[in-house]
Protein backbone atom coordinates (compact mmCIF):
# COMPACT_ATOMS: atom_id res chain seq x y z
CA MET A 1 0.00 0.00 0.00
CA ASN A 2 1.40 3.38 -0.98
CA ARG A 3 1.63 6.31 1.45
CA THR A 4 -1.49 8.05 0.11
CA GLY A 5 -3.59 4.93 0.51
CA TYR A 6 -2.30 4.38 4.02
CA ILE A 7 -3.21 7.91 5.08
CA TYR A 8 -6.67 7.54 3.52
CA LEU A 9 -7.24 4.28 5.42
CA MET A 10 -6.22 5.90 8.72
CA LEU A 11 -8.57 8.83 8.16
CA VAL A 12 -11.51 6.54 7.35
CA SER A 13 -10.75 4.38 10.40
CA GLY A 14 -10.59 7.45 12.65
CA MET A 15 -13.88 8.80 11.33
CA THR A 16 -15.55 5.44 11.76
CA ALA A 17 -14.31 5.10 15.34
CA THR A 18 -15.47 8.61 16.17
CA SER A 19 -18.90 8.11 14.63
CA CYS A 20 -19.46 4.98 16.75
CA ARG A 21 -18.92 6.78 20.06
CA LYS A 22 -21.97 7.36 22.21
CA PRO A 23 -22.15 9.67 25.21
CA TYR A 24 -22.38 7.91 28.57
CA ASP A 25 -23.58 9.59 31.71
CA PRO A 26 -22.82 7.44 34.78
CA PRO A 27 -25.66 7.09 37.32
CA ALA A 28 -23.69 9.24 39.79
CA ILE A 29 -23.85 12.18 37.35
CA VAL A 30 -27.56 12.03 36.58
CA ALA A 31 -28.76 10.98 40.04
CA THR A 32 -31.25 13.38 41.62
CA ASN A 33 -30.15 12.75 45.21
CA SER A 34 -29.40 15.85 47.26
CA TYR A 35 -27.44 14.82 50.34
CA LEU A 36 -26.98 17.02 53.40
CA VAL A 37 -23.36 18.13 53.86
CA VAL A 38 -22.26 19.26 57.35
CA GLU A 39 -18.92 21.03 57.77
CA GLY A 40 -17.35 22.43 60.91
CA VAL A 41 -16.06 21.76 64.40
CA ILE A 42 -17.77 22.41 67.74
CA ASN A 43 -15.22 24.61 69.50
CA ALA A 44 -15.03 23.68 73.16
CA GLY A 45 -13.05 26.78 74.14
CA PRO A 46 -13.65 30.54 74.10
CA ASP A 47 -13.53 30.82 70.29
CA SER A 48 -16.70 30.85 68.20
CA THR A 49 -18.21 27.73 66.65
CA PHE A 50 -19.04 27.77 62.93
CA ILE A 51 -21.08 25.10 61.13
CA LYS A 52 -21.85 25.15 57.40
CA LEU A 53 -24.83 23.28 55.94
CA SER A 54 -25.32 22.64 52.23
CA ARG A 55 -26.74 20.12 49.79
CA THR A 56 -24.91 18.19 47.10
CA VAL A 57 -25.58 19.09 43.47
CA GLN A 58 -25.24 17.14 40.23
CA ILE A 59 -21.89 17.37 38.46
CA SER A 60 -23.64 18.74 35.39
CA ASN A 61 -25.42 21.43 37.41
CA LYS A 62 -24.27 24.98 36.68
CA VAL A 63 -25.08 25.98 40.28
CA VAL A 64 -22.28 24.72 42.53
CA ALA A 65 -23.37 26.35 45.82
CA ASN A 66 -26.50 24.95 47.42
CA PRO A 67 -26.74 26.21 51.03
CA GLU A 68 -29.21 24.69 53.48
CA THR A 69 -30.98 27.71 54.92
CA GLY A 70 -33.52 28.19 57.68
CA ALA A 71 -32.30 25.27 59.80
CA SER A 72 -32.21 25.10 63.59
CA LEU A 73 -28.88 23.94 65.07
CA THR A 74 -28.16 23.07 68.70
CA VAL A 75 -25.12 21.75 70.52
CA GLU A 76 -26.26 19.21 73.14
CA GLY A 77 -24.32 17.83 76.09
CA ASP A 78 -24.77 14.45 77.78
CA GLN A 79 -25.63 16.42 80.97
CA ASN A 80 -28.87 17.71 79.35
CA ILE A 81 -27.73 21.21 78.45
CA SER A 82 -27.93 22.80 75.03
CA TYR A 83 -26.48 25.78 73.13
CA PRO A 84 -28.25 27.23 70.06
CA LEU A 85 -26.50 28.40 66.90
CA THR A 86 -27.67 31.33 64.79
CA GLU A 87 -27.71 31.55 60.99
CA ILE A 88 -25.33 34.42 60.16
CA SER A 89 -25.51 34.02 56.38
CA LYS A 90 -27.08 31.56 53.96
CA GLY A 91 -26.20 28.07 55.20
CA ASN A 92 -23.67 29.34 57.77
CA TYR A 93 -24.45 28.98 61.48
CA ALA A 94 -22.45 30.25 64.45
CA SER A 95 -22.31 30.56 68.21
CA ALA A 96 -20.09 32.61 70.52
CA GLY A 97 -17.54 30.79 72.69
CA LEU A 98 -19.18 27.78 74.40
CA ASN A 99 -16.45 27.04 76.99
CA LEU A 100 -17.60 23.45 77.31
CA ASP A 101 -16.86 21.12 80.22
CA ASN A 102 -14.15 18.78 78.92
CA SER A 103 -15.36 15.93 81.14
CA HIS A 104 -18.60 15.55 79.16
CA LYS A 105 -19.55 14.47 75.64
CA TYR A 106 -21.38 16.61 73.09
CA ARG A 107 -23.24 16.28 69.80
CA LEU A 108 -24.95 18.44 67.17
CA ARG A 109 -28.69 18.41 66.50
CA ILE A 110 -29.98 19.75 63.16
CA GLN A 111 -33.57 20.41 62.21
CA THR A 112 -34.01 21.59 58.63
CA ALA A 113 -36.66 24.02 57.46
CA ASN A 114 -38.79 21.12 56.15
CA GLY A 115 -38.79 19.43 59.58
CA LYS A 116 -36.16 16.71 59.03
CA GLN A 117 -33.90 16.01 62.01
CA TYR A 118 -30.28 14.89 62.07
CA LEU A 119 -28.00 13.99 64.98
CA SER A 120 -24.27 13.53 65.28
CA ASP A 121 -22.86 10.94 67.65
CA PHE A 122 -21.77 12.02 71.12
CA GLU A 123 -18.04 12.78 70.97
CA VAL A 124 -15.46 13.38 73.68
CA VAL A 125 -13.68 16.72 73.83
CA LEU A 126 -10.25 16.60 72.18
CA ASN A 127 -8.32 19.85 72.55
CA SER A 128 -5.50 20.58 70.14
CA PRO A 129 -2.03 21.11 71.62
CA PRO A 130 -0.15 24.26 70.57
CA ILE A 131 1.55 24.43 67.18
CA ASP A 132 5.29 24.33 67.78
CA SER A 133 6.37 26.05 64.57
CA ILE A 134 5.52 26.99 61.00
CA SER A 135 8.62 26.64 58.82
CA TYR A 136 9.50 26.77 55.14
CA ASP A 137 12.26 25.90 52.73
CA VAL A 138 13.06 26.53 49.08
CA LYS A 139 12.79 23.58 46.71
CA GLY A 140 15.99 22.23 45.28
CA ALA A 141 17.19 22.37 41.70
CA LEU A 142 15.83 18.91 40.85
CA ALA A 143 12.26 19.89 41.79
CA GLN A 144 9.97 22.65 40.61
CA PRO A 145 11.37 25.84 42.19
CA GLY A 146 9.18 27.30 44.91
CA VAL A 147 8.43 27.35 48.62
CA ASN A 148 7.39 24.41 50.83
CA ILE A 149 5.61 25.28 54.08
CA TYR A 150 5.54 22.87 57.04
CA VAL A 151 3.89 22.58 60.46
CA SER A 152 5.35 20.91 63.55
CA THR A 153 3.57 19.97 66.79
CA HIS A 154 3.52 17.52 69.70
CA ASP A 155 1.23 16.62 72.58
CA PRO A 156 3.02 16.20 75.94
CA SER A 157 -0.11 14.60 77.43
CA ASN A 158 -0.19 11.90 74.70
CA LYS A 159 -3.94 12.34 74.34
CA VAL A 160 -3.83 13.50 70.72
CA VAL A 161 -2.15 11.46 67.97
CA TYR A 162 -4.34 12.37 64.97
CA TYR A 163 -4.36 15.87 63.48
CA ARG A 164 -5.92 17.94 60.73
CA TRP A 165 -4.81 21.37 59.49
CA ASP A 166 -6.32 24.05 57.32
CA TYR A 167 -5.01 27.50 56.50
CA GLN A 168 -5.71 30.97 55.22
CA GLU A 169 -3.22 32.70 52.92
CA THR A 170 -2.78 36.44 52.45
CA TRP A 171 -0.31 38.14 50.14
CA ILE A 172 0.50 41.49 48.57
CA ILE A 173 -0.27 42.13 44.91
CA ASN A 174 1.21 45.10 43.08
CA SER A 175 -0.18 46.97 40.11
CA TYR A 176 1.90 46.81 36.93
CA TYR A 177 2.37 50.59 37.05
CA PRO A 178 2.21 52.74 40.21
CA SER A 179 -0.09 55.74 39.96
CA TYR A 180 1.02 59.05 41.49
CA PHE A 181 -1.85 61.15 40.15
CA ILE A 182 -5.64 61.11 40.15
CA SER A 183 -8.31 63.04 38.29
CA ASN A 184 -11.10 64.74 40.24
CA GLY A 185 -13.15 65.34 37.10
CA ASP A 186 -11.77 68.85 36.52
CA THR A 187 -8.03 68.41 36.62
CA VAL A 188 -5.25 66.04 37.61
CA LEU A 189 -4.10 66.14 41.22
CA GLY A 190 -1.36 64.44 43.16
CA ARG A 191 -2.51 61.13 44.62
CA ASN A 192 -2.43 60.58 48.39
CA LEU A 193 -0.39 57.37 48.43
CA ILE A 194 -1.92 56.31 51.76
CA THR A 195 -5.64 57.07 51.53
CA GLN A 196 -5.84 56.76 47.73
CA ASN A 197 -3.45 53.85 47.29
CA ILE A 198 -4.18 51.62 44.29
CA THR A 199 -0.65 50.26 43.86
CA ASP A 200 -0.41 47.79 46.76
CA CYS A 201 -3.32 45.49 47.62
CA TRP A 202 -3.92 42.32 49.60
CA GLN A 203 -5.44 39.11 48.32
CA SER A 204 -6.52 36.09 50.39
CA ASP A 205 -7.44 32.47 49.86
CA THR A 206 -8.36 29.46 52.01
CA SER A 207 -7.12 25.89 51.85
CA SER A 208 -8.67 23.65 49.22
CA THR A 209 -6.92 20.41 50.22
CA ILE A 210 -7.14 18.20 53.30
CA VAL A 211 -3.93 18.11 55.35
CA LEU A 212 -3.67 15.22 57.81
CA GLY A 213 -0.99 13.84 60.10
CA SER A 214 -0.61 11.09 62.69
CA SER A 215 1.98 10.05 65.25
CA ALA A 216 0.13 6.82 66.09
CA LYS A 217 2.83 4.61 64.52
CA LEU A 218 5.80 6.72 65.64
CA THR A 219 8.00 6.04 68.63
CA GLN A 220 7.41 9.60 69.87
CA ASN A 221 4.22 11.65 69.81
CA VAL A 222 5.78 14.31 67.61
CA ILE A 223 4.76 15.65 64.20
CA ALA A 224 7.82 17.20 62.59
CA ASN A 225 7.71 19.18 59.33
CA GLN A 226 4.33 18.01 58.10
CA PRO A 227 3.89 19.48 54.57
CA VAL A 228 1.06 22.03 54.42
CA ILE A 229 1.33 23.72 51.01
CA SER A 230 3.75 24.12 48.11
CA ILE A 231 3.89 27.45 46.30
CA PRO A 232 5.56 27.54 42.85
CA SER A 233 8.23 30.19 42.34
CA TYR A 234 6.31 32.01 39.61
CA SER A 235 3.25 32.51 41.85
CA GLU A 236 2.29 36.07 42.68
CA LYS A 237 1.87 34.90 46.28
CA VAL A 238 5.63 35.04 46.81
CA GLY A 239 6.21 38.11 44.66
CA ASP A 240 6.36 40.59 47.55
CA LYS A 241 5.24 39.49 51.02
CA TYR A 242 3.22 36.44 52.03
CA SER A 243 1.49 35.32 55.23
CA ILE A 244 -0.18 32.06 56.20
CA LEU A 245 -2.36 31.32 59.23
CA VAL A 246 -2.39 27.59 60.00
CA ARG A 247 -5.16 26.16 62.20
CA GLN A 248 -4.73 22.80 63.95
CA TYR A 249 -7.49 20.37 64.94
CA ALA A 250 -7.27 17.29 67.16
CA LEU A 251 -9.04 14.22 65.76
CA SER A 252 -10.28 10.90 67.06
CA VAL A 253 -9.29 7.81 65.10
CA ASP A 254 -12.77 7.67 63.52
CA ALA A 255 -12.62 11.33 62.50
CA TYR A 256 -9.13 10.79 61.07
CA ASN A 257 -10.30 7.81 58.99
CA PHE A 258 -13.27 9.86 57.74
CA TYR A 259 -10.97 12.60 56.43
CA VAL A 260 -8.60 10.02 54.94
CA ASN A 261 -11.51 8.66 52.90
CA ILE A 262 -12.62 12.17 51.92
CA LYS A 263 -9.08 12.94 50.74
CA LYS A 264 -8.89 9.74 48.69
CA ASN A 265 -12.25 10.40 47.07
CA THR A 266 -11.63 14.04 46.23
CA GLU A 267 -7.90 14.49 45.72
CA GLN A 268 -6.42 11.12 44.78
CA LEU A 269 -8.61 9.89 41.93
CA GLY A 270 -7.90 10.01 38.23
CA SER A 271 -5.04 7.64 37.48
CA ILE A 272 -4.99 3.85 37.30
CA PHE A 273 -2.78 3.74 40.40
CA ASP A 274 -5.14 5.71 42.66
CA ALA A 275 -7.53 4.16 45.16
CA LEU A 276 -11.03 3.24 44.00
CA PRO A 277 -13.90 5.47 45.19
CA SER A 278 -15.37 4.32 48.49
CA ASP A 279 -18.34 5.08 50.72
CA ILE A 280 -17.76 7.98 53.11
CA GLU A 281 -19.41 7.32 56.47
CA GLY A 282 -19.36 10.11 59.03
CA ASN A 283 -20.93 10.45 62.48
CA ILE A 284 -24.09 12.34 61.44
CA HIS A 285 -27.33 10.44 60.84
CA SER A 286 -30.93 11.08 59.88
CA VAL A 287 -33.31 10.53 62.80
CA SER A 288 -36.30 9.56 60.64
CA ASN A 289 -34.51 7.65 57.87
CA PRO A 290 -31.46 5.61 58.89
CA ASN A 291 -30.79 4.78 55.22
CA GLU A 292 -30.38 8.44 54.24
CA SER A 293 -26.75 9.36 53.59
CA VAL A 294 -25.33 12.41 55.36
CA ILE A 295 -21.85 13.71 54.58
CA GLY A 296 -19.82 15.15 57.44
CA TYR A 297 -18.07 14.52 60.73
CA ILE A 298 -18.53 16.71 63.80
CA SER A 299 -15.59 16.80 66.20
CA ILE A 300 -15.51 18.56 69.58
CA GLY A 301 -12.51 20.49 70.87
CA SER A 302 -10.57 23.72 70.92
CA THR A 303 -8.26 24.58 68.03
CA THR A 304 -4.87 26.25 67.96
CA SER A 305 -3.32 28.41 65.29
CA LYS A 306 -0.07 30.08 64.30
CA ARG A 307 0.86 32.68 61.69
CA THR A 308 4.10 33.29 59.86
CA PHE A 309 5.32 35.76 57.23
CA ILE A 310 7.64 35.23 54.28
CA SER A 311 9.26 38.21 52.59
CA ILE A 312 10.69 38.29 49.08
CA SER A 313 14.01 39.38 50.58
CA SER A 314 14.44 35.89 52.07
CA LEU A 315 13.79 34.09 48.76
CA PRO A 316 15.83 33.62 45.58
CA VAL A 317 15.20 35.91 42.63
CA TRP A 318 12.51 34.18 40.59
CA LYS A 319 10.74 35.14 37.39
CA LYS A 320 7.13 36.04 38.15
CA ASP A 321 3.98 35.16 36.29
CA THR A 322 2.53 38.29 34.66
CA SER A 323 -0.07 36.48 32.56
CA PHE A 324 -2.86 38.53 34.15
CA TYR A 325 -1.47 41.62 32.45
CA ALA A 326 -0.19 39.96 29.28
CA GLY A 327 -3.46 38.16 28.65
CA CYS A 328 -5.99 40.90 29.26
CA HIS A 329 -5.57 42.26 25.72
CA LEU A 330 -7.58 39.25 24.55
CA ALA A 331 -10.71 40.97 25.79
CA PHE A 332 -10.03 43.64 23.18
CA ASP A 333 -9.67 41.03 20.41
CA LEU A 334 -6.40 42.65 19.35
CA PRO A 335 -3.63 40.06 19.80
CA PHE A 336 -0.96 42.48 18.56
CA PHE A 337 -1.87 45.09 21.18
CA PRO A 338 -0.19 44.71 24.58
CA CYS A 339 -2.38 45.26 27.62
CA CYS A 340 -0.11 47.26 29.88
CA TYR A 341 0.77 50.04 27.48
CA ILE A 342 1.55 53.64 28.44
CA ALA A 343 -0.29 56.47 26.71
CA ASN A 344 0.63 60.17 26.85
CA HIS A 345 -1.92 62.96 27.18
CA GLN A 346 -1.48 66.70 27.20
CA VAL A 347 -2.41 68.77 30.24
CA ASP A 348 -5.38 70.41 28.56
CA GLU A 349 -6.87 67.00 27.80
CA TYR A 350 -7.38 66.45 31.52
CA ILE A 351 -9.45 69.59 32.00
CA ASN A 352 -13.05 68.43 32.44
CA TYR A 353 -11.47 64.99 32.61
CA ASN A 354 -13.64 62.15 31.37
CA PRO A 355 -11.98 58.77 32.03
CA ASN A 356 -14.06 57.10 29.32
CA LYS A 357 -12.89 59.60 26.70
CA TYR A 358 -9.27 58.54 26.49
CA ASN A 359 -8.70 55.27 24.70
CA ILE A 360 -6.55 53.87 21.96
CA ASN A 361 -7.83 52.46 18.70
CA GLY A 362 -11.41 52.63 19.95
CA LEU A 363 -10.80 50.67 23.17
CA THR A 364 -13.32 51.60 25.85
CA ASP A 365 -11.07 50.69 28.79
CA PRO A 366 -10.67 53.99 30.72
CA LEU A 367 -7.13 55.26 31.30
CA ILE A 368 -5.74 56.26 34.70
CA PRO A 369 -3.00 58.89 35.09
CA ILE A 370 0.36 57.44 36.16
CA ASP A 371 3.05 60.11 36.26
CA ALA A 372 3.75 63.67 35.09
CA VAL A 373 5.78 64.45 31.97
CA THR A 374 8.03 67.51 32.22
CA ILE A 375 10.57 69.10 29.88
CA HIS A 376 12.94 70.03 32.70
CA PRO A 377 12.96 69.04 36.39
CA GLY A 378 10.88 71.44 38.47
CA THR A 379 8.89 72.82 35.54
CA PRO A 380 5.11 72.39 35.21
CA PRO A 381 4.03 69.19 33.52
CA ILE A 382 3.25 69.21 29.84
CA GLY A 383 1.26 66.01 30.09
CA TYR A 384 0.83 62.72 31.93
CA THR A 385 1.41 59.08 31.24
CA ALA A 386 -1.59 56.81 31.68
CA SER A 387 -2.67 53.19 31.34
CA THR A 388 -5.68 50.92 31.77
CA LYS A 389 -7.43 50.15 35.07
CA ASN A 390 -6.26 46.53 35.10
CA CYS A 391 -2.64 47.67 34.89
CA VAL A 392 -2.81 50.55 37.37
CA ASP A 393 -5.55 49.79 39.90
CA CYS A 394 -4.83 46.76 42.10
CA THR A 395 -8.30 46.95 43.69
CA VAL A 396 -9.55 45.20 40.54
CA ARG A 397 -8.27 41.98 42.14
CA GLY A 398 -7.75 42.73 45.82
CA SER A 399 -8.34 45.12 48.72
CA ASN A 400 -6.20 48.18 49.44
CA LYS A 401 -7.17 47.98 53.13
CA LYS A 402 -4.24 46.57 55.08
CA PRO A 403 -5.27 43.56 57.23
CA THR A 404 -5.09 44.22 60.97
CA PHE A 405 -2.61 41.37 61.46
CA TRP A 406 -0.22 42.56 58.74
CA GLN A 407 3.32 43.29 59.87
């Protein structure tokens, strides 16, 4: 068979194989079940307790958030006392510090708006020991460059051997160009770099993975350098200054196994070497229908936390990802036109300043003054440089209000 015939045969075979394919929607995708999901920990100490209720949705559903609203939640003790929780936002319930008696057991009672009742099992109070340290190192040359963050802890009383951690990250983002001027609608004025700052902002995120650790099989009850998160070198998180608050929870063996299964089912599926999906059984049950599945595990105990900061001055010089700025020209449908350009405007153009007036090649993205243009130092400006909001105003992506904890 000559080359042309061979190619023709391959094309026909490919088209035939493609035409024989039929879409398949597994039962799990098209199932109409809407299971109750319970997330949170009953805090036994002076800190507030937060419980989140929601319902599962189909994978094909465009709506991913399905909060369970209008429910009544109560923390009950085995000594016949109870503490109500209040709905503070859709599906989120809270109570001020409970200061529970550690010698008793507690559970959570849920009554939904349609009258269904759910109960968690009575659990003993397990208080988290303090976090010893939050540390970090820089990945070696053989691995993807970046920062690894670790947590270390131990329990001198030997009561806690199973742990879970979550975290909240906060970092500084900088605009592509700093702006030293602002228009008040009539003219261009000097910008107050403190009250009118749009150059330095803060962005935050919460953990999206389950971090677990155990000293049950170790000779000492010590968790040393448990990996928490890896940040690649190009990430904007480590482009200026970064902070992470790590929270630590003490777990029973049943709670630990529950989170291990959750982790396997949500984070470790996709390859032929991963574990098969398994049933996830928590400690929350329907009172009226024992066969109804409920997703969640309610633990009781106080948590501990620790914060650390990482400055760019303590890290190697890495190339940063600027795709946010380089890619925003796609919205203009002009691939040859860079996003973070600088335009020049004469002084008289800023009289009766209209930010929507100044654009390039018909672009409607308003321009923001950046800096003054002068012929000689000390002389009045003859114009100003300017650029788009995405390139000058960091509040497009973050907040210019410094967090109270920021150093």
